[in-house]
PDB file of N, CA and C in Angstrom:
ATOM      1  N   UNK A   1     -22.544  21.242  20.804  1.00  0.00           N
ATOM      2  CA  UNK A   1     -21.860  21.478  19.457  1.00  0.00           C
ATOM      3  C   UNK A   1     -22.676  20.918  18.415  1.00  0.00           C
ATOM      4  N   UNK A   2     -22.961  21.721  17.445  1.00  0.00           N
ATOM      5  CA  UNK A   2     -23.746  21.917  16.257  1.00  0.00           C
ATOM      6  C   UNK A   2     -23.093  21.119  15.148  1.00  0.00           C
ATOM      7  N   UNK A   3     -23.792  19.987  14.811  1.00  0.00           N
ATOM      8  CA  UNK A   3     -23.191  19.225  13.765  1.00  0.00           C
ATOM      9  C   UNK A   3     -23.630  19.761  12.344  1.00  0.00           C
ATOM     10  N   UNK A   4     -23.002  19.828  11.415  1.00  0.00           N
ATOM     11  CA  UNK A   4     -23.240  20.469   9.995  1.00  0.00           C
ATOM     12  C   UNK A   4     -24.254  19.568   9.147  1.00  0.00           C
ATOM     13  N   UNK A   5     -24.926  20.044   8.295  1.00  0.00           N
ATOM     14  CA  UNK A   5     -25.928  19.327   7.283  1.00  0.00           C
ATOM     15  C   UNK A   5     -25.059  18.594   6.223  1.00  0.00           C
ATOM     16  N   UNK A   6     -25.485  17.489   6.013  1.00  0.00           N
ATOM     17  CA  UNK A   6     -24.941  16.295   5.326  1.00  0.00           C
ATOM     18  C   UNK A   6     -25.624  16.360   3.902  1.00  0.00           C
ATOM     19  N   UNK A   7     -24.991  16.101   2.779  1.00  0.00           N
ATOM     20  CA  UNK A   7     -25.546  15.933   1.512  1.00  0.00           C
ATOM     21  C   UNK A   7     -26.464  14.804   1.507  1.00  0.00           C
ATOM     22  N   UNK A   8     -27.823  15.017   1.127  1.00  0.00           N
ATOM     23  CA  UNK A   8     -28.605  13.843   1.306  1.00  0.00           C
ATOM     24  C   UNK A   8     -28.188  12.701   0.369  1.00  0.00           C
ATOM     25  N   UNK A   9     -27.512  13.072  -0.833  1.00  0.00           N
ATOM     26  CA  UNK A   9     -27.216  12.004  -1.763  1.00  0.00           C
ATOM     27  C   UNK A   9     -26.144  11.190  -1.144  1.00  0.00           C
ATOM     28  N   UNK A  10     -25.003  11.754  -0.371  1.00  0.00           N
ATOM     29  CA  UNK A  10     -24.191  11.042   0.241  1.00  0.00           C
ATOM     30  C   UNK A  10     -24.648  10.094   1.215  1.00  0.00           C
ATOM     31  N   UNK A  11     -25.649  10.676   2.154  1.00  0.00           N
ATOM     32  CA  UNK A  11     -26.335   9.818   3.145  1.00  0.00           C
ATOM     33  C   UNK A  11     -26.921   8.659   2.477  1.00  0.00           C
ATOM     34  N   UNK A  12     -27.803   8.599   1.251  1.00  0.00           N
ATOM     35  CA  UNK A  12     -28.434   7.769   0.668  1.00  0.00           C
ATOM     36  C   UNK A  12     -27.177   6.707   0.134  1.00  0.00           C
ATOM     37  N   UNK A  13     -26.139   7.171  -0.405  1.00  0.00           N
ATOM     38  CA  UNK A  13     -25.242   6.400  -0.897  1.00  0.00           C
ATOM     39  C   UNK A  13     -24.488   5.397   0.341  1.00  0.00           C
ATOM     40  N   UNK A  14     -24.343   5.950   1.420  1.00  0.00           N
ATOM     41  CA  UNK A  14     -23.906   5.288   2.669  1.00  0.00           C
ATOM     42  C   UNK A  14     -24.973   4.432   3.219  1.00  0.00           C
ATOM     43  N   UNK A  15     -26.066   4.716   3.111  1.00  0.00           N
ATOM     44  CA  UNK A  15     -27.270   3.879   3.714  1.00  0.00           C
ATOM     45  C   UNK A  15     -27.417   2.699   2.874  1.00  0.00           C
ATOM     46  N   UNK A  16     -27.153   2.857   1.549  1.00  0.00           N
ATOM     47  CA  UNK A  16     -27.424   1.587   0.524  1.00  0.00           C
ATOM     48  C   UNK A  16     -26.104   0.723   1.187  1.00  0.00           C
ATOM     49  N   UNK A  17     -24.944   1.056   1.391  1.00  0.00           N
ATOM     50  CA  UNK A  17     -24.007   0.139   1.864  1.00  0.00           C
ATOM     51  C   UNK A  17     -24.266  -0.461   3.244  1.00  0.00           C
ATOM     52  N   UNK A  18     -24.787   0.460   4.077  1.00  0.00           N
ATOM     53  CA  UNK A  18     -25.274   0.036   5.541  1.00  0.00           C
ATOM     54  C   UNK A  18     -26.262  -1.401   5.214  1.00  0.00           C
ATOM     55  N   UNK A  19     -27.212  -1.208   4.402  1.00  0.00           N
ATOM     56  CA  UNK A  19     -28.201  -2.111   4.156  1.00  0.00           C
ATOM     57  C   UNK A  19     -27.570  -3.476   3.890  1.00  0.00           C
ATOM     58  N   UNK A  20     -26.577  -3.185   3.146  1.00  0.00           N
ATOM     59  CA  UNK A  20     -25.930  -4.637   2.575  1.00  0.00           C
ATOM     60  C   UNK A  20     -25.182  -5.363   3.724  1.00  0.00           C
ATOM     61  N   UNK A  21     -24.586  -4.496   4.808  1.00  0.00           N
ATOM     62  CA  UNK A  21     -24.018  -5.095   5.889  1.00  0.00           C
ATOM     63  C   UNK A  21     -25.147  -5.538   6.789  1.00  0.00           C
ATOM     64  N   UNK A  22     -26.321  -4.791   7.228  1.00  0.00           N
ATOM     65  CA  UNK A  22     -27.357  -5.420   7.922  1.00  0.00           C
ATOM     66  C   UNK A  22     -27.820  -6.546   7.414  1.00  0.00           C
ATOM     67  N   UNK A  23     -28.167  -6.554   6.072  1.00  0.00           N
ATOM     68  CA  UNK A  23     -28.378  -8.044   5.585  1.00  0.00           C
ATOM     69  C   UNK A  23     -27.548  -9.137   5.767  1.00  0.00           C
ATOM     70  N   UNK A  24     -26.205  -8.982   5.606  1.00  0.00           N
ATOM     71  CA  UNK A  24     -25.226  -9.956   5.854  1.00  0.00           C
ATOM     72  C   UNK A  24     -25.285 -10.377   7.620  1.00  0.00           C
ATOM     73  N   UNK A  25     -25.293  -9.269   8.272  1.00  0.00           N
ATOM     74  CA  UNK A  25     -25.400  -9.809   9.667  1.00  0.00           C
ATOM     75  C   UNK A  25     -26.685 -10.523   9.948  1.00  0.00           C
ATOM     76  N   UNK A  26     -27.984 -10.136   9.363  1.00  0.00           N
ATOM     77  CA  UNK A  26     -29.100 -10.937   9.472  1.00  0.00           C
ATOM     78  C   UNK A  26     -28.858 -12.453   9.092  1.00  0.00           C
ATOM     79  N   UNK A  27     -28.162 -12.489   7.953  1.00  0.00           N
ATOM     80  CA  UNK A  27     -28.076 -13.890   7.315  1.00  0.00           C
ATOM     81  C   UNK A  27     -27.418 -14.622   8.212  1.00  0.00           C
ATOM     82  N   UNK A  28     -26.240 -14.126   9.002  1.00  0.00           N
ATOM     83  CA  UNK A  28     -25.601 -14.821  10.061  1.00  0.00           C
ATOM     84  C   UNK A  28     -26.331 -14.905  11.401  1.00  0.00           C
ATOM     85  N   UNK A  29     -27.581 -14.833  11.156  1.00  0.00           N
ATOM     86  CA  UNK A  29     -28.197 -14.905  12.677  1.00  0.00           C
ATOM     87  C   UNK A  29     -28.293 -13.880  13.534  1.00  0.00           C
ATOM     88  N   UNK A  30     -27.790 -12.755  13.171  1.00  0.00           N
ATOM     89  CA  UNK A  30     -27.729 -11.663  13.904  1.00  0.00           C
ATOM     90  C   UNK A  30     -29.147 -11.072  14.612  1.00  0.00           C
ATOM     91  N   UNK A  31     -29.144 -10.711  15.838  1.00  0.00           N
ATOM     92  CA  UNK A  31     -30.365 -10.241  16.432  1.00  0.00           C
ATOM     93  C   UNK A  31     -30.069  -8.706  16.568  1.00  0.00           C
ATOM     94  N   UNK A  32     -30.643  -7.753  15.569  1.00  0.00           N
ATOM     95  CA  UNK A  32     -30.116  -6.361  15.536  1.00  0.00           C
ATOM     96  C   UNK A  32     -30.418  -5.616  16.713  1.00  0.00           C
ATOM     97  N   UNK A  33     -31.395  -5.996  17.687  1.00  0.00           N
ATOM     98  CA  UNK A  33     -31.899  -5.422  18.987  1.00  0.00           C
ATOM     99  C   UNK A  33     -30.789  -5.560  20.092  1.00  0.00           C
ATOM    100  N   UNK A  34     -29.928  -6.345  19.881  1.00  0.00           N
ATOM    101  CA  UNK A  34     -28.974  -6.748  20.845  1.00  0.00           C
ATOM    102  C   UNK A  34     -27.977  -5.475  20.838  1.00  0.00           C
ATOM    103  N   UNK A  35     -27.783  -4.816  21.942  1.00  0.00           N
ATOM    104  CA  UNK A  35     -26.594  -3.869  22.183  1.00  0.00           C
ATOM    105  C   UNK A  35     -25.424  -4.275  22.185  1.00  0.00           C
ATOM    106  N   UNK A  36     -24.532  -3.834  21.333  1.00  0.00           N
ATOM    107  CA  UNK A  36     -22.944  -4.182  21.369  1.00  0.00           C
ATOM    108  C   UNK A  36     -22.142  -3.213  20.775  1.00  0.00           C
ATOM    109  N   UNK A  37     -20.759  -3.357  20.920  1.00  0.00           N
ATOM    110  CA  UNK A  37     -19.991  -2.525  20.457  1.00  0.00           C
ATOM    111  C   UNK A  37     -19.938  -2.271  18.742  1.00  0.00           C
ATOM    112  N   UNK A  38     -20.038  -1.032  18.526  1.00  0.00           N
ATOM    113  CA  UNK A  38     -20.063  -0.919  16.896  1.00  0.00           C
ATOM    114  C   UNK A  38     -18.853   0.054  16.810  1.00  0.00           C
ATOM    115  N   UNK A  39     -17.911  -0.354  16.076  1.00  0.00           N
ATOM    116  CA  UNK A  39     -16.673   0.615  15.622  1.00  0.00           C
ATOM    117  C   UNK A  39     -17.157   1.396  14.323  1.00  0.00           C
ATOM    118  N   UNK A  40     -16.438   2.604  14.409  1.00  0.00           N
ATOM    119  CA  UNK A  40     -16.475   3.253  13.343  1.00  0.00           C
ATOM    120  C   UNK A  40     -15.106   3.849  12.992  1.00  0.00           C
ATOM    121  N   UNK A  41     -14.592   4.114  11.628  1.00  0.00           N
ATOM    122  CA  UNK A  41     -13.484   4.355  11.459  1.00  0.00           C
ATOM    123  C   UNK A  41     -13.243   5.542  10.542  1.00  0.00           C
ATOM    124  N   UNK A  42     -12.329   6.394  10.696  1.00  0.00           N
ATOM    125  CA  UNK A  42     -12.141   7.821  10.059  1.00  0.00           C
ATOM    126  C   UNK A  42     -10.660   7.749   9.435  1.00  0.00           C
ATOM    127  N   UNK A  43     -10.549   8.235   8.293  1.00  0.00           N
ATOM    128  CA  UNK A  43      -9.145   8.203   7.659  1.00  0.00           C
ATOM    129  C   UNK A  43      -8.928   9.875   7.764  1.00  0.00           C
ATOM    130  N   UNK A  44      -7.584  10.153   7.836  1.00  0.00           N
ATOM    131  CA  UNK A  44      -7.180  11.631   7.791  1.00  0.00           C
ATOM    132  C   UNK A  44      -5.674  11.886   8.313  1.00  0.00           C
ATOM    133  N   UNK A  45      -5.428  13.128   8.360  1.00  0.00           N
ATOM    134  CA  UNK A  45      -4.187  13.678   8.800  1.00  0.00           C
ATOM    135  C   UNK A  45      -4.058  13.603  10.081  1.00  0.00           C
ATOM    136  N   UNK A  46      -2.895  13.444  10.836  1.00  0.00           N
ATOM    137  CA  UNK A  46      -2.435  13.244  12.268  1.00  0.00           C
ATOM    138  C   UNK A  46      -3.287  14.431  13.029  1.00  0.00           C
ATOM    139  N   UNK A  47      -3.259  15.634  12.648  1.00  0.00           N
ATOM    140  CA  UNK A  47      -3.661  16.646  13.499  1.00  0.00           C
ATOM    141  C   UNK A  47      -5.395  16.496  13.607  1.00  0.00           C
ATOM    142  N   UNK A  48      -5.865  16.325  12.343  1.00  0.00           N
ATOM    143  CA  UNK A  48      -7.532  16.192  12.377  1.00  0.00           C
ATOM    144  C   UNK A  48      -7.984  14.800  13.334  1.00  0.00           C
ATOM    145  N   UNK A  49      -7.170  13.734  12.978  1.00  0.00           N
ATOM    146  CA  UNK A  49      -7.541  12.521  13.889  1.00  0.00           C
ATOM    147  C   UNK A  49      -7.411  12.696  15.263  1.00  0.00           C
ATOM    148  N   UNK A  50      -6.399  13.480  15.587  1.00  0.00           N
ATOM    149  CA  UNK A  50      -6.084  13.756  17.099  1.00  0.00           C
ATOM    150  C   UNK A  50      -7.108  14.689  17.715  1.00  0.00           C
ATOM    151  N   UNK A  51      -7.631  15.502  16.802  1.00  0.00           N
ATOM    152  CA  UNK A  51      -8.802  16.527  17.388  1.00  0.00           C
ATOM    153  C   UNK A  51      -9.929  15.658  17.451  1.00  0.00           C
ATOM    154  N   UNK A  52     -10.253  14.706  16.627  1.00  0.00           N
ATOM    155  CA  UNK A  52     -11.298  13.876  16.547  1.00  0.00           C
ATOM    156  C   UNK A  52     -11.276  12.934  17.866  1.00  0.00           C
ATOM    157  N   UNK A  53     -10.201  12.362  18.000  1.00  0.00           N
ATOM    158  CA  UNK A  53      -9.983  11.084  19.195  1.00  0.00           C
ATOM    159  C   UNK A  53     -10.179  12.137  20.620  1.00  0.00           C
ATOM    160  N   UNK A  54      -9.609  13.419  20.443  1.00  0.00           N
ATOM    161  CA  UNK A  54      -9.603  14.327  21.919  1.00  0.00           C
ATOM    162  C   UNK A  54     -11.262  14.365  22.037  1.00  0.00           C
ATOM    163  N   UNK A  55     -11.841  14.508  21.121  1.00  0.00           N
ATOM    164  CA  UNK A  55     -13.491  14.905  21.443  1.00  0.00           C
ATOM    165  C   UNK A  55     -14.409  13.583  21.253  1.00  0.00           C
ATOM    166  N   UNK A  56     -13.763  12.630  21.020  1.00  0.00           N
ATOM    167  CA  UNK A  56     -14.340  11.454  20.927  1.00  0.00           C
ATOM    168  C   UNK A  56     -15.749  11.219  22.097  1.00  0.00           C
ATOM    169  N   UNK A  57     -15.346  11.428  23.215  1.00  0.00           N
ATOM    170  CA  UNK A  57     -16.209  11.229  24.337  1.00  0.00           C
ATOM    171  C   UNK A  57     -17.452  12.084  24.408  1.00  0.00           C
ATOM    172  N   UNK A  58     -17.165  13.274  23.988  1.00  0.00           N
ATOM    173  CA  UNK A  58     -18.040  14.397  23.812  1.00  0.00           C
ATOM    174  C   UNK A  58     -19.111  14.027  22.722  1.00  0.00           C
ATOM    175  N   UNK A  59     -18.599  13.329  21.754  1.00  0.00           N
ATOM    176  CA  UNK A  59     -19.320  13.121  20.518  1.00  0.00           C
ATOM    177  C   UNK A  59     -20.278  11.686  20.742  1.00  0.00           C
ATOM    178  N   UNK A  60     -19.844  11.007  21.929  1.00  0.00           N
ATOM    179  CA  UNK A  60     -20.615   9.847  22.279  1.00  0.00           C
ATOM    180  C   UNK A  60     -19.929   8.451  21.994  1.00  0.00           C
ATOM    181  N   UNK A  61     -18.614   8.551  21.689  1.00  0.00           N
ATOM    182  CA  UNK A  61     -17.781   7.283  21.205  1.00  0.00           C
ATOM    183  C   UNK A  61     -16.688   7.345  22.301  1.00  0.00           C
ATOM    184  N   UNK A  62     -16.078   6.085  22.404  1.00  0.00           N
ATOM    185  CA  UNK A  62     -14.819   5.926  23.049  1.00  0.00           C
ATOM    186  C   UNK A  62     -13.686   5.508  22.018  1.00  0.00           C
ATOM    187  N   UNK A  63     -12.568   6.057  22.256  1.00  0.00           N
ATOM    188  CA  UNK A  63     -11.327   5.825  21.453  1.00  0.00           C
ATOM    189  C   UNK A  63     -10.948   4.442  21.441  1.00  0.00           C
ATOM    190  N   UNK A  64     -10.899   3.636  20.298  1.00  0.00           N
ATOM    191  CA  UNK A  64     -10.430   2.410  20.437  1.00  0.00           C
ATOM    192  C   UNK A  64      -8.966   2.207  19.994  1.00  0.00           C
ATOM    193  N   UNK A  65      -8.508   2.561  18.840  1.00  0.00           N
ATOM    194  CA  UNK A  65      -7.284   2.657  18.493  1.00  0.00           C
ATOM    195  C   UNK A  65      -6.824   3.374  17.272  1.00  0.00           C
ATOM    196  N   UNK A  66      -5.627   3.551  17.023  1.00  0.00           N
ATOM    197  CA  UNK A  66      -5.294   4.042  15.555  1.00  0.00           C
ATOM    198  C   UNK A  66      -4.301   3.275  14.820  1.00  0.00           C
ATOM    199  N   UNK A  67      -4.535   3.063  13.468  1.00  0.00           N
ATOM    200  CA  UNK A  67      -3.822   2.207  12.701  1.00  0.00           C
ATOM    201  C   UNK A  67      -3.262   3.001  11.565  1.00  0.00           C
ATOM    202  N   UNK A  68      -2.003   2.529  11.151  1.00  0.00           N
ATOM    203  CA  UNK A  68      -1.579   3.096   9.876  1.00  0.00           C
ATOM    204  C   UNK A  68      -1.314   1.807   8.782  1.00  0.00           C
ATOM    205  N   UNK A  69      -1.887   2.011   7.712  1.00  0.00           N
ATOM    206  CA  UNK A  69      -1.845   0.903   6.840  1.00  0.00           C
ATOM    207  C   UNK A  69      -0.245   0.755   5.943  1.00  0.00           C
ATOM    208  N   UNK A  70      -0.411  -0.192   5.114  1.00  0.00           N
ATOM    209  CA  UNK A  70       0.959  -0.335   4.377  1.00  0.00           C
ATOM    210  C   UNK A  70       1.345   1.049   3.404  1.00  0.00           C
ATOM    211  N   UNK A  71       0.316   1.861   2.965  1.00  0.00           N
ATOM    212  CA  UNK A  71       0.470   2.992   2.365  1.00  0.00           C
ATOM    213  C   UNK A  71       0.808   4.292   3.093  1.00  0.00           C
ATOM    214  N   UNK A  72       0.654   4.168   4.601  1.00  0.00           N
ATOM    215  CA  UNK A  72       1.159   5.359   5.313  1.00  0.00           C
ATOM    216  C   UNK A  72      -0.297   6.101   5.720  1.00  0.00           C
ATOM    217  N   UNK A  73      -1.289   5.445   5.319  1.00  0.00           N
ATOM    218  CA  UNK A  73      -2.790   6.108   5.634  1.00  0.00           C
ATOM    219  C   UNK A  73      -3.089   5.712   7.016  1.00  0.00           C
ATOM    220  N   UNK A  74      -3.544   6.936   7.772  1.00  0.00           N
ATOM    221  CA  UNK A  74      -3.701   6.676   9.126  1.00  0.00           C
ATOM    222  C   UNK A  74      -5.295   6.557   9.203  1.00  0.00           C
ATOM    223  N   UNK A  75      -5.631   5.550  10.219  1.00  0.00           N
ATOM    224  CA  UNK A  75      -7.379   5.622  10.573  1.00  0.00           C
ATOM    225  C   UNK A  75      -7.306   5.508  12.143  1.00  0.00           C
ATOM    226  N   UNK A  76      -8.584   6.257  12.598  1.00  0.00           N
ATOM    227  CA  UNK A  76      -8.805   6.140  13.829  1.00  0.00           C
ATOM    228  C   UNK A  76     -10.047   5.577  14.190  1.00  0.00           C
ATOM    229  N   UNK A  77     -10.142   4.587  14.954  1.00  0.00           N
ATOM    230  CA  UNK A  77     -11.183   3.545  15.045  1.00  0.00           C
ATOM    231  C   UNK A  77     -11.776   4.185  16.417  1.00  0.00           C
ATOM    232  N   UNK A  78     -13.282   4.365  16.397  1.00  0.00           N
ATOM    233  CA  UNK A  78     -13.847   4.756  17.802  1.00  0.00           C
ATOM    234  C   UNK A  78     -15.004   3.607  17.830  1.00  0.00           C
ATOM    235  N   UNK A  79     -15.578   3.554  19.137  1.00  0.00           N
ATOM    236  CA  UNK A  79     -16.585   2.712  19.365  1.00  0.00           C
ATOM    237  C   UNK A  79     -17.676   3.215  20.037  1.00  0.00           C
ATOM    238  N   UNK A  80     -18.877   2.749  19.828  1.00  0.00           N
ATOM    239  CA  UNK A  80     -20.205   3.133  20.485  1.00  0.00           C
ATOM    240  C   UNK A  80     -20.965   1.771  20.863  1.00  0.00           C
ATOM    241  N   UNK A  81     -21.634   1.877  22.148  1.00  0.00           N
ATOM    242  CA  UNK A  81     -22.500   0.760  22.530  1.00  0.00           C
ATOM    243  C   UNK A  81     -23.893   1.164  21.982  1.00  0.00           C
ATOM    244  N   UNK A  82     -24.376   0.146  21.367  1.00  0.00           N
ATOM    245  CA  UNK A  82     -25.635   0.476  20.654  1.00  0.00           C
ATOM    246  C   UNK A  82     -26.301  -0.807  19.846  1.00  0.00           C
ATOM    247  N   UNK A  83     -27.627  -0.847  19.324  1.00  0.00           N
ATOM    248  CA  UNK A  83     -28.246  -1.920  18.669  1.00  0.00           C
ATOM    249  C   UNK A  83     -27.650  -1.616  17.387  1.00  0.00           C
ATOM    250  N   UNK A  84     -28.124  -2.574  16.422  1.00  0.00           N
ATOM    251  CA  UNK A  84     -27.639  -2.483  14.825  1.00  0.00           C
ATOM    252  C   UNK A  84     -29.245  -2.542  13.992  1.00  0.00           C
ATOM    253  N   UNK A  85     -30.064  -2.092  14.782  1.00  0.00           N
ATOM    254  CA  UNK A  85     -31.347  -1.951  14.040  1.00  0.00           C
ATOM    255  C   UNK A  85     -31.455  -0.810  13.238  1.00  0.00           C
ATOM    256  N   UNK A  86     -32.074  -0.959  12.106  1.00  0.00           N
ATOM    257  CA  UNK A  86     -31.991   0.122  10.929  1.00  0.00           C
ATOM    258  C   UNK A  86     -31.988   1.356  11.322  1.00  0.00           C
ATOM    259  N   UNK A  87     -32.867   1.928  12.020  1.00  0.00           N
ATOM    260  CA  UNK A  87     -32.791   3.338  12.262  1.00  0.00           C
ATOM    261  C   UNK A  87     -31.755   3.518  13.229  1.00  0.00           C
ATOM    262  N   UNK A  88     -31.183   2.862  14.216  1.00  0.00           N
ATOM    263  CA  UNK A  88     -29.883   3.190  14.853  1.00  0.00           C
ATOM    264  C   UNK A  88     -28.813   3.431  14.079  1.00  0.00           C
ATOM    265  N   UNK A  89     -28.606   2.503  13.114  1.00  0.00           N
ATOM    266  CA  UNK A  89     -27.493   2.517  12.227  1.00  0.00           C
ATOM    267  C   UNK A  89     -27.692   3.595  11.344  1.00  0.00           C
ATOM    268  N   UNK A  90     -28.789   4.022  10.844  1.00  0.00           N
ATOM    269  CA  UNK A  90     -28.908   5.172  10.001  1.00  0.00           C
ATOM    270  C   UNK A  90     -28.627   6.509  10.685  1.00  0.00           C
ATOM    271  N   UNK A  91     -28.699   6.527  11.984  1.00  0.00           N
ATOM    272  CA  UNK A  91     -28.607   7.814  12.724  1.00  0.00           C
ATOM    273  C   UNK A  91     -27.130   7.662  12.969  1.00  0.00           C
ATOM    274  N   UNK A  92     -26.470   6.738  13.333  1.00  0.00           N
ATOM    275  CA  UNK A  92     -25.028   6.417  13.429  1.00  0.00           C
ATOM    276  C   UNK A  92     -24.160   7.061  12.048  1.00  0.00           C
ATOM    277  N   UNK A  93     -24.772   6.803  11.040  1.00  0.00           N
ATOM    278  CA  UNK A  93     -24.119   6.944   9.685  1.00  0.00           C
ATOM    279  C   UNK A  93     -24.242   8.346   9.431  1.00  0.00           C
ATOM    280  N   UNK A  94     -25.471   9.068   9.682  1.00  0.00           N
ATOM    281  CA  UNK A  94     -25.702  10.442   9.690  1.00  0.00           C
ATOM    282  C   UNK A  94     -24.496  11.243  10.517  1.00  0.00           C
ATOM    283  N   UNK A  95     -24.604  10.627  11.689  1.00  0.00           N
ATOM    284  CA  UNK A  95     -23.522  11.313  12.591  1.00  0.00           C
ATOM    285  C   UNK A  95     -22.102  11.333  12.281  1.00  0.00           C
ATOM    286  N   UNK A  96     -21.748  10.178  11.653  1.00  0.00           N
ATOM    287  CA  UNK A  96     -20.444   9.977  11.228  1.00  0.00           C
ATOM    288  C   UNK A  96     -20.145  10.899  10.138  1.00  0.00           C
ATOM    289  N   UNK A  97     -21.146  11.100   9.170  1.00  0.00           N
ATOM    290  CA  UNK A  97     -20.954  11.819   8.014  1.00  0.00           C
ATOM    291  C   UNK A  97     -20.783  13.424   8.479  1.00  0.00           C
ATOM    292  N   UNK A  98     -21.680  13.703   9.728  1.00  0.00           N
ATOM    293  CA  UNK A  98     -21.516  15.252  10.214  1.00  0.00           C
ATOM    294  C   UNK A  98     -20.074  15.242  10.643  1.00  0.00           C
ATOM    295  N   UNK A  99     -19.437  14.331  11.496  1.00  0.00           N
ATOM    296  CA  UNK A  99     -18.191  14.343  12.052  1.00  0.00           C
ATOM    297  C   UNK A  99     -17.379  14.535  11.026  1.00  0.00           C
ATOM    298  N   UNK A 100     -17.375  13.914   9.985  1.00  0.00           N
ATOM    299  CA  UNK A 100     -16.258  13.905   8.578  1.00  0.00           C
ATOM    300  C   UNK A 100     -16.458  15.228   8.109  1.00  0.00           C
ATOM    301  N   UNK A 101     -17.357  16.148   8.146  1.00  0.00           N
ATOM    302  CA  UNK A 101     -17.267  17.495   7.802  1.00  0.00           C
ATOM    303  C   UNK A 101     -16.830  18.382   8.697  1.00  0.00           C
ATOM    304  N   UNK A 102     -17.136  18.152  10.073  1.00  0.00           N
ATOM    305  CA  UNK A 102     -16.580  18.850  11.307  1.00  0.00           C
ATOM    306  C   UNK A 102     -15.250  18.814  11.201  1.00  0.00           C
ATOM    307  N   UNK A 103     -14.527  17.685  11.246  1.00  0.00           N
ATOM    308  CA  UNK A 103     -13.244  17.422  11.636  1.00  0.00           C
ATOM    309  C   UNK A 103     -12.277  17.303  10.348  1.00  0.00           C
ATOM    310  N   UNK A 104     -12.796  17.372   9.074  1.00  0.00           N
ATOM    311  CA  UNK A 104     -12.176  17.392   7.987  1.00  0.00           C
ATOM    312  C   UNK A 104     -11.441  16.008   7.961  1.00  0.00           C
ATOM    313  N   UNK A 105     -12.031  14.870   8.090  1.00  0.00           N
ATOM    314  CA  UNK A 105     -11.586  13.279   7.911  1.00  0.00           C
ATOM    315  C   UNK A 105     -12.551  12.710   6.900  1.00  0.00           C
ATOM    316  N   UNK A 106     -12.150  11.633   6.807  1.00  0.00           N
ATOM    317  CA  UNK A 106     -12.959  10.768   5.689  1.00  0.00           C
ATOM    318  C   UNK A 106     -13.678   9.588   6.637  1.00  0.00           C
ATOM    319  N   UNK A 107     -14.894   9.590   6.647  1.00  0.00           N
ATOM    320  CA  UNK A 107     -15.720   8.440   7.345  1.00  0.00           C
ATOM    321  C   UNK A 107     -15.502   7.311   6.420  1.00  0.00           C
ATOM    322  N   UNK A 108     -15.006   6.107   7.188  1.00  0.00           N
ATOM    323  CA  UNK A 108     -14.779   4.876   6.402  1.00  0.00           C
ATOM    324  C   UNK A 108     -15.717   3.584   6.828  1.00  0.00           C
ATOM    325  N   UNK A 109     -16.778   4.044   7.273  1.00  0.00           N
ATOM    326  CA  UNK A 109     -17.717   2.843   7.507  1.00  0.00           C
ATOM    327  C   UNK A 109     -17.728   2.397   9.147  1.00  0.00           C
ATOM    328  N   UNK A 110     -18.498   1.528   9.412  1.00  0.00           N
ATOM    329  CA  UNK A 110     -18.786   0.762  10.523  1.00  0.00           C
ATOM    330  C   UNK A 110     -18.589  -0.762  10.540  1.00  0.00           C
ATOM    331  N   UNK A 111     -18.533  -1.302  11.777  1.00  0.00           N
ATOM    332  CA  UNK A 111     -18.664  -2.725  11.878  1.00  0.00           C
ATOM    333  C   UNK A 111     -18.928  -3.190  13.129  1.00  0.00           C
ATOM    334  N   UNK A 112     -19.201  -4.484  13.274  1.00  0.00           N
ATOM    335  CA  UNK A 112     -19.381  -5.320  14.455  1.00  0.00           C
ATOM    336  C   UNK A 112     -19.657  -6.614  14.292  1.00  0.00           C
ATOM    337  N   UNK A 113     -19.489  -7.329  15.296  1.00  0.00           N
ATOM    338  CA  UNK A 113     -19.840  -8.800  15.441  1.00  0.00           C
ATOM    339  C   UNK A 113     -21.233  -8.975  15.336  1.00  0.00           C
ATOM    340  N   UNK A 114     -21.644 -10.216  14.764  1.00  0.00           N
ATOM    341  CA  UNK A 114     -22.933 -10.719  14.795  1.00  0.00           C
ATOM    342  C   UNK A 114     -23.418 -11.054  16.302  1.00  0.00           C
ATOM    343  N   UNK A 115     -24.295 -10.699  16.627  1.00  0.00           N
ATOM    344  CA  UNK A 115     -24.935 -11.232  18.040  1.00  0.00           C
ATOM    345  C   UNK A 115     -26.355 -12.027  18.108  1.00  0.00           C
ATOM    346  N   UNK A 116     -26.083 -13.321  18.194  1.00  0.00           N
ATOM    347  CA  UNK A 116     -27.237 -14.135  17.945  1.00  0.00           C
ATOM    348  C   UNK A 116     -28.114 -14.407  19.192  1.00  0.00           C
ATOM    349  N   UNK A 117     -27.624 -13.952  20.497  1.00  0.00           N
ATOM    350  CA  UNK A 117     -28.308 -13.920  21.606  1.00  0.00           C
ATOM    351  C   UNK A 117     -27.914 -15.405  22.356  1.00  0.00           C
ATOM    352  N   UNK A 118     -27.158 -16.235  21.645  1.00  0.00           N
ATOM    353  CA  UNK A 118     -26.537 -17.658  22.177  1.00  0.00           C
ATOM    354  C   UNK A 118     -25.402 -17.532  22.755  1.00  0.00           C
ATOM    355  N   UNK A 119     -25.406 -18.276  23.812  1.00  0.00           N
ATOM    356  CA  UNK A 119     -23.865 -18.195  24.514  1.00  0.00           C
ATOM    357  C   UNK A 119     -23.062 -19.360  23.830  1.00  0.00           C
ATOM    358  N   UNK A 120     -21.800 -18.999  23.657  1.00  0.00           N
ATOM    359  CA  UNK A 120     -20.971 -19.781  22.769  1.00  0.00           C
ATOM    360  C   UNK A 120     -20.081 -21.047  23.506  1.00  0.00           C
TER     361      UNK A 120
END
């Protein structure tokens, strides 16, 4: 599957937000090199999200869940096991922006828990 080109300005805007999240994780003692589940979310209509969910594995993700908010907007959450090192997150964001274009959905960001490497 060939993924489409992304507007560089859009990628840079997302990357600016990503750097804030990475800084917050680091401030909470996160060790970015630790592989963990990173979830990404996409908003869209039922058909577009269903196509994306059906193709999640092919794209390197697992389907986590679908949620509907109080306004009736539907989101699909996908997961991927990876580190949150800067280059890995930048590559993930690029891929998600490509998915956004390919599936006519709206990328809504990523999240994960901080991993300190310490046992709780």
